PDB file of all heavy atoms in Angstrom:
ATOM      1  N   LEU A   1       0.822  -1.215   0.000  1.00  0.00           N
ATOM      2  CA  LEU A   1       0.000   0.000   0.000  1.00  0.00           C
ATOM      3  C   LEU A   1       0.852   1.259   0.000  1.00  0.00           C
ATOM      4  O   LEU A   1       0.405   2.309  -0.452  1.00  0.00           O
ATOM      5  CB  LEU A   1      -0.942   0.007   1.205  1.00  0.00           C
ATOM      6  CG  LEU A   1      -2.103  -0.961   1.135  1.00  0.00           C
ATOM      7  CD1 LEU A   1      -2.910  -0.926   2.430  1.00  0.00           C
ATOM      8  CD2 LEU A   1      -3.003  -0.644  -0.052  1.00  0.00           C
ATOM      9  N   THR A   2       2.065   1.169   0.512  1.00  0.00           N
ATOM     10  CA  THR A   2       2.946   2.332   0.557  1.00  0.00           C
ATOM     11  C   THR A   2       3.864   2.404  -0.655  1.00  0.00           C
ATOM     12  O   THR A   2       4.632   3.352  -0.790  1.00  0.00           O
ATOM     13  CB  THR A   2       3.790   2.331   1.853  1.00  0.00           C
ATOM     14  OG1 THR A   2       4.567   1.141   1.903  1.00  0.00           O
ATOM     15  CG2 THR A   2       2.889   2.404   3.079  1.00  0.00           C
ATOM     16  N   GLY A   3       3.778   1.426  -1.534  1.00  0.00           N
ATOM     17  CA  GLY A   3       4.616   1.397  -2.732  1.00  0.00           C
ATOM     18  C   GLY A   3       4.071   2.308  -3.820  1.00  0.00           C
ATOM     19  O   GLY A   3       2.989   2.887  -3.715  1.00  0.00           O
ATOM     20  N   SER A   4       4.826   2.425  -4.899  1.00  0.00           N
ATOM     21  CA  SER A   4       4.453   3.310  -6.000  1.00  0.00           C
ATOM     22  C   SER A   4       3.295   2.768  -6.836  1.00  0.00           C
ATOM     23  O   SER A   4       2.551   3.539  -7.436  1.00  0.00           O
ATOM     24  CB  SER A   4       5.659   3.565  -6.894  1.00  0.00           C
ATOM     25  OG  SER A   4       6.126   2.350  -7.436  1.00  0.00           O
ATOM     26  N   ALA A   5       3.129   1.461  -6.875  1.00  0.00           N
ATOM     27  CA  ALA A   5       2.046   0.856  -7.664  1.00  0.00           C
ATOM     28  C   ALA A   5       1.108   0.109  -6.716  1.00  0.00           C
ATOM     29  O   ALA A   5       1.016  -1.110  -6.732  1.00  0.00           O
ATOM     30  CB  ALA A   5       2.620  -0.091  -8.703  1.00  0.00           C
ATOM     31  N   ALA A   6       0.411   0.870  -5.882  1.00  0.00           N
ATOM     32  CA  ALA A   6      -0.463   0.267  -4.875  1.00  0.00           C
ATOM     33  C   ALA A   6      -1.592  -0.523  -5.535  1.00  0.00           C
ATOM     34  O   ALA A   6      -2.172  -0.087  -6.523  1.00  0.00           O
ATOM     35  CB  ALA A   6      -1.034   1.340  -3.963  1.00  0.00           C
ATOM     36  N   PRO A   7      -1.902  -1.686  -4.985  1.00  0.00           N
ATOM     37  CA  PRO A   7      -2.998  -2.512  -5.518  1.00  0.00           C
ATOM     38  C   PRO A   7      -4.357  -1.943  -5.122  1.00  0.00           C
ATOM     39  O   PRO A   7      -4.460  -1.080  -4.250  1.00  0.00           O
ATOM     40  CB  PRO A   7      -2.764  -3.855  -4.827  1.00  0.00           C
ATOM     41  CG  PRO A   7      -2.134  -3.477  -3.529  1.00  0.00           C
ATOM     42  CD  PRO A   7      -1.263  -2.297  -3.824  1.00  0.00           C
ATOM     43  N   ARG A   8      -5.399  -2.450  -5.756  1.00  0.00           N
ATOM     44  CA  ARG A   8      -6.773  -2.150  -5.337  1.00  0.00           C
ATOM     45  C   ARG A   8      -7.100  -3.090  -4.193  1.00  0.00           C
ATOM     46  O   ARG A   8      -6.891  -4.298  -4.289  1.00  0.00           O
ATOM     47  CB  ARG A   8      -7.777  -2.399  -6.476  1.00  0.00           C
ATOM     48  CG  ARG A   8      -7.667  -1.500  -7.676  1.00  0.00           C
ATOM     49  CD  ARG A   8      -8.114  -0.069  -7.425  1.00  0.00           C
ATOM     50  NE  ARG A   8      -9.467   0.085  -6.940  1.00  0.00           N
ATOM     51  CZ  ARG A   8     -10.525   0.388  -7.706  1.00  0.00           C
ATOM     52  NH1 ARG A   8     -10.375   0.555  -8.995  1.00  0.00           N
ATOM     53  NH2 ARG A   8     -11.711   0.525  -7.161  1.00  0.00           N
ATOM     54  N   ILE A   9      -7.628  -2.537  -3.123  1.00  0.00           N
ATOM     55  CA  ILE A   9      -8.010  -3.321  -1.958  1.00  0.00           C
ATOM     56  C   ILE A   9      -9.529  -3.423  -1.954  1.00  0.00           C
ATOM     57  O   ILE A   9     -10.221  -2.395  -1.972  1.00  0.00           O
ATOM     58  CB  ILE A   9      -7.522  -2.667  -0.643  1.00  0.00           C
ATOM     59  CG1 ILE A   9      -6.010  -2.401  -0.699  1.00  0.00           C
ATOM     60  CG2 ILE A   9      -7.916  -3.520   0.545  1.00  0.00           C
ATOM     61  CD1 ILE A   9      -5.153  -3.633  -0.787  1.00  0.00           C
ATOM     62  N   ILE A  10     -10.033  -4.646  -1.936  1.00  0.00           N
ATOM     63  CA  ILE A  10     -11.473  -4.890  -1.983  1.00  0.00           C
ATOM     64  C   ILE A  10     -11.901  -5.615  -0.710  1.00  0.00           C
ATOM     65  O   ILE A  10     -11.416  -6.704  -0.411  1.00  0.00           O
ATOM     66  CB  ILE A  10     -11.879  -5.747  -3.200  1.00  0.00           C
ATOM     67  CG1 ILE A  10     -11.317  -5.178  -4.507  1.00  0.00           C
ATOM     68  CG2 ILE A  10     -13.391  -5.928  -3.249  1.00  0.00           C
ATOM     69  CD1 ILE A  10     -11.951  -3.914  -4.995  1.00  0.00           C
ATOM     70  N   ASP A  11     -12.809  -5.003   0.024  1.00  0.00           N
ATOM     71  CA  ASP A  11     -13.393  -5.586   1.236  1.00  0.00           C
ATOM     72  C   ASP A  11     -14.652  -6.331   0.812  1.00  0.00           C
ATOM     73  O   ASP A  11     -15.592  -5.728   0.305  1.00  0.00           O
ATOM     74  CB  ASP A  11     -13.734  -4.458   2.209  1.00  0.00           C
ATOM     75  CG  ASP A  11     -14.251  -4.931   3.550  1.00  0.00           C
ATOM     76  OD1 ASP A  11     -15.003  -5.926   3.596  1.00  0.00           O
ATOM     77  OD2 ASP A  11     -13.928  -4.280   4.552  1.00  0.00           O
ATOM     78  N   VAL A  12     -14.661  -7.646   0.992  1.00  0.00           N
ATOM     79  CA  VAL A  12     -15.793  -8.460   0.541  1.00  0.00           C
ATOM     80  C   VAL A  12     -16.753  -8.812   1.684  1.00  0.00           C
ATOM     81  O   VAL A  12     -17.632  -9.647   1.515  1.00  0.00           O
ATOM     82  CB  VAL A  12     -15.327  -9.746  -0.194  1.00  0.00           C
ATOM     83  CG1 VAL A  12     -14.506  -9.388  -1.422  1.00  0.00           C
ATOM     84  CG2 VAL A  12     -14.564 -10.684   0.720  1.00  0.00           C
ATOM     85  N   ARG A  13     -16.602  -8.141   2.833  1.00  0.00           N
ATOM     86  CA  ARG A  13     -17.460  -8.433   3.981  1.00  0.00           C
ATOM     87  C   ARG A  13     -18.858  -7.822   3.806  1.00  0.00           C
ATOM     88  O   ARG A  13     -19.114  -7.078   2.861  1.00  0.00           O
ATOM     89  CB  ARG A  13     -16.824  -7.883   5.267  1.00  0.00           C
ATOM     90  CG  ARG A  13     -15.475  -8.511   5.580  1.00  0.00           C
ATOM     91  CD  ARG A  13     -14.824  -7.874   6.785  1.00  0.00           C
ATOM     92  NE  ARG A  13     -14.644  -6.447   6.571  1.00  0.00           N
ATOM     93  CZ  ARG A  13     -14.521  -5.545   7.550  1.00  0.00           C
ATOM     94  NH1 ARG A  13     -14.560  -5.921   8.811  1.00  0.00           N
ATOM     95  NH2 ARG A  13     -14.351  -4.264   7.259  1.00  0.00           N
ATOM     96  N   GLU A  14     -19.719  -8.130   4.735  1.00  0.00           N
ATOM     97  CA  GLU A  14     -21.075  -7.596   4.747  1.00  0.00           C
ATOM     98  C   GLU A  14     -21.054  -6.112   5.141  1.00  0.00           C
ATOM     99  O   GLU A  14     -20.089  -5.638   5.754  1.00  0.00           O
ATOM    100  CB  GLU A  14     -21.942  -8.379   5.738  1.00  0.00           C
ATOM    101  CG  GLU A  14     -22.071  -9.854   5.416  1.00  0.00           C
ATOM    102  CD  GLU A  14     -22.834 -10.099   4.127  1.00  0.00           C
ATOM    103  OE1 GLU A  14     -23.834  -9.398   3.866  1.00  0.00           O
ATOM    104  OE2 GLU A  14     -22.427 -10.998   3.371  1.00  0.00           O
ATOM    105  N   ASP A  15     -22.126  -5.408   4.813  1.00  0.00           N
ATOM    106  CA  ASP A  15     -22.218  -3.977   5.097  1.00  0.00           C
ATOM    107  C   ASP A  15     -21.968  -3.648   6.564  1.00  0.00           C
ATOM    108  O   ASP A  15     -21.259  -2.692   6.880  1.00  0.00           O
ATOM    109  CB  ASP A  15     -23.601  -3.434   4.692  1.00  0.00           C
ATOM    110  CG  ASP A  15     -23.845  -3.471   3.198  1.00  0.00           C
ATOM    111  OD1 ASP A  15     -22.885  -3.666   2.426  1.00  0.00           O
ATOM    112  OD2 ASP A  15     -25.008  -3.303   2.795  1.00  0.00           O
ATOM    113  N   HIS A  16     -22.556  -4.418   7.474  1.00  0.00           N
ATOM    114  CA  HIS A  16     -22.408  -4.111   8.898  1.00  0.00           C
ATOM    115  C   HIS A  16     -20.967  -4.315   9.372  1.00  0.00           C
ATOM    116  O   HIS A  16     -20.509  -3.635  10.287  1.00  0.00           O
ATOM    117  CB  HIS A  16     -23.399  -4.926   9.744  1.00  0.00           C
ATOM    118  CG  HIS A  16     -23.102  -6.385   9.810  1.00  0.00           C
ATOM    119  ND1 HIS A  16     -23.484  -7.267   8.810  1.00  0.00           N
ATOM    120  CD2 HIS A  16     -22.433  -7.121  10.729  1.00  0.00           C
ATOM    121  CE1 HIS A  16     -23.076  -8.489   9.128  1.00  0.00           C
ATOM    122  NE2 HIS A  16     -22.431  -8.427  10.285  1.00  0.00           N
ATOM    123  N   GLU A  17     -20.231  -5.209   8.738  1.00  0.00           N
ATOM    124  CA  GLU A  17     -18.828  -5.411   9.088  1.00  0.00           C
ATOM    125  C   GLU A  17     -17.983  -4.227   8.598  1.00  0.00           C
ATOM    126  O   GLU A  17     -17.116  -3.722   9.317  1.00  0.00           O
ATOM    127  CB  GLU A  17     -18.304  -6.712   8.475  1.00  0.00           C
ATOM    128  CG  GLU A  17     -18.943  -7.968   9.050  1.00  0.00           C
ATOM    129  CD  GLU A  17     -18.535  -9.201   8.283  1.00  0.00           C
ATOM    130  OE1 GLU A  17     -18.944  -9.355   7.108  1.00  0.00           O
ATOM    131  OE2 GLU A  17     -17.795 -10.020   8.857  1.00  0.00           O
ATOM    132  N   TRP A  18     -18.244  -3.805   7.378  1.00  0.00           N
ATOM    133  CA  TRP A  18     -17.548  -2.653   6.786  1.00  0.00           C
ATOM    134  C   TRP A  18     -17.741  -1.412   7.657  1.00  0.00           C
ATOM    135  O   TRP A  18     -16.785  -0.664   7.905  1.00  0.00           O
ATOM    136  CB  TRP A  18     -18.074  -2.427   5.375  1.00  0.00           C
ATOM    137  CG  TRP A  18     -17.741  -1.109   4.762  1.00  0.00           C
ATOM    138  CD1 TRP A  18     -18.517   0.017   4.767  1.00  0.00           C
ATOM    139  CD2 TRP A  18     -16.552  -0.755   4.045  1.00  0.00           C
ATOM    140  NE1 TRP A  18     -17.881   1.030   4.092  1.00  0.00           N
ATOM    141  CE2 TRP A  18     -16.676   0.584   3.638  1.00  0.00           C
ATOM    142  CE3 TRP A  18     -15.402  -1.459   3.707  1.00  0.00           C
ATOM    143  CZ2 TRP A  18     -15.690   1.251   2.913  1.00  0.00           C
ATOM    144  CZ3 TRP A  18     -14.416  -0.790   2.972  1.00  0.00           C
ATOM    145  CH2 TRP A  18     -14.560   0.539   2.591  1.00  0.00           C
ATOM    146  N   ALA A  19     -18.953  -1.201   8.124  1.00  0.00           N
ATOM    147  CA  ALA A  19     -19.272  -0.004   8.915  1.00  0.00           C
ATOM    148  C   ALA A  19     -18.490   0.055  10.228  1.00  0.00           C
ATOM    149  O   ALA A  19     -18.270   1.148  10.760  1.00  0.00           O
ATOM    150  CB  ALA A  19     -20.771   0.047   9.196  1.00  0.00           C
ATOM    151  N   LYS A  20     -18.047  -1.079  10.728  1.00  0.00           N
ATOM    152  CA  LYS A  20     -17.302  -1.114  11.989  1.00  0.00           C
ATOM    153  C   LYS A  20     -15.812  -0.832  11.804  1.00  0.00           C
ATOM    154  O   LYS A  20     -15.083  -0.735  12.779  1.00  0.00           O
ATOM    155  CB  LYS A  20     -17.487  -2.472  12.675  1.00  0.00           C
ATOM    156  CG  LYS A  20     -18.900  -2.696  13.163  1.00  0.00           C
ATOM    157  CD  LYS A  20     -19.027  -4.071  13.802  1.00  0.00           C
ATOM    158  CE  LYS A  20     -20.462  -4.329  14.223  1.00  0.00           C
ATOM    159  NZ  LYS A  20     -20.611  -5.683  14.769  1.00  0.00           N
ATOM    160  N   GLY A  21     -15.350  -0.729  10.572  1.00  0.00           N
ATOM    161  CA  GLY A  21     -13.955  -0.447  10.291  1.00  0.00           C
ATOM    162  C   GLY A  21     -13.461  -1.224   9.101  1.00  0.00           C
ATOM    163  O   GLY A  21     -13.976  -2.301   8.805  1.00  0.00           O
ATOM    164  N   HIS A  22     -12.485  -0.643   8.400  1.00  0.00           N
ATOM    165  CA  HIS A  22     -11.931  -1.273   7.207  1.00  0.00           C
ATOM    166  C   HIS A  22     -10.533  -0.730   6.929  1.00  0.00           C
ATOM    167  O   HIS A  22     -10.099   0.247   7.542  1.00  0.00           O
ATOM    168  CB  HIS A  22     -12.852  -1.048   6.009  1.00  0.00           C
ATOM    169  CG  HIS A  22     -13.268   0.379   5.841  1.00  0.00           C
ATOM    170  ND1 HIS A  22     -14.366   0.906   6.475  1.00  0.00           N
ATOM    171  CD2 HIS A  22     -12.717   1.386   5.148  1.00  0.00           C
ATOM    172  CE1 HIS A  22     -14.479   2.190   6.172  1.00  0.00           C
ATOM    173  NE2 HIS A  22     -13.487   2.504   5.372  1.00  0.00           N
ATOM    174  N   LEU A  23      -9.836  -1.376   6.008  1.00  0.00           N
ATOM    175  CA  LEU A  23      -8.499  -0.933   5.637  1.00  0.00           C
ATOM    176  C   LEU A  23      -8.566   0.436   4.972  1.00  0.00           C
ATOM    177  O   LEU A  23      -9.517   0.710   4.219  1.00  0.00           O
ATOM    178  CB  LEU A  23      -7.844  -1.925   4.664  1.00  0.00           C
ATOM    179  CG  LEU A  23      -7.084  -3.100   5.273  1.00  0.00           C
ATOM    180  CD1 LEU A  23      -8.005  -4.049   5.991  1.00  0.00           C
ATOM    181  CD2 LEU A  23      -6.277  -3.805   4.222  1.00  0.00           C
ATOM    182  N   PRO A  24      -7.569   1.285   5.220  1.00  0.00           N
ATOM    183  CA  PRO A  24      -7.536   2.597   4.566  1.00  0.00           C
ATOM    184  C   PRO A  24      -7.516   2.448   3.044  1.00  0.00           C
ATOM    185  O   PRO A  24      -6.766   1.636   2.501  1.00  0.00           O
ATOM    186  CB  PRO A  24      -6.221   3.199   5.069  1.00  0.00           C
ATOM    187  CG  PRO A  24      -5.907   2.468   6.325  1.00  0.00           C
ATOM    188  CD  PRO A  24      -6.455   1.084   6.135  1.00  0.00           C
ATOM    189  N   GLY A  25      -8.356   3.203   2.381  1.00  0.00           N
ATOM    190  CA  GLY A  25      -8.404   3.193   0.926  1.00  0.00           C
ATOM    191  C   GLY A  25      -9.117   2.013   0.308  1.00  0.00           C
ATOM    192  O   GLY A  25      -9.188   1.907  -0.911  1.00  0.00           O
TER     193      GLY A  25
END
């Protein structure tokens, strides 16, 4: 994530899980 070619990060959890916190970006 700190590199020059950062990957796309996809959170595949449920909505209520996402709302409690997720990876930056």
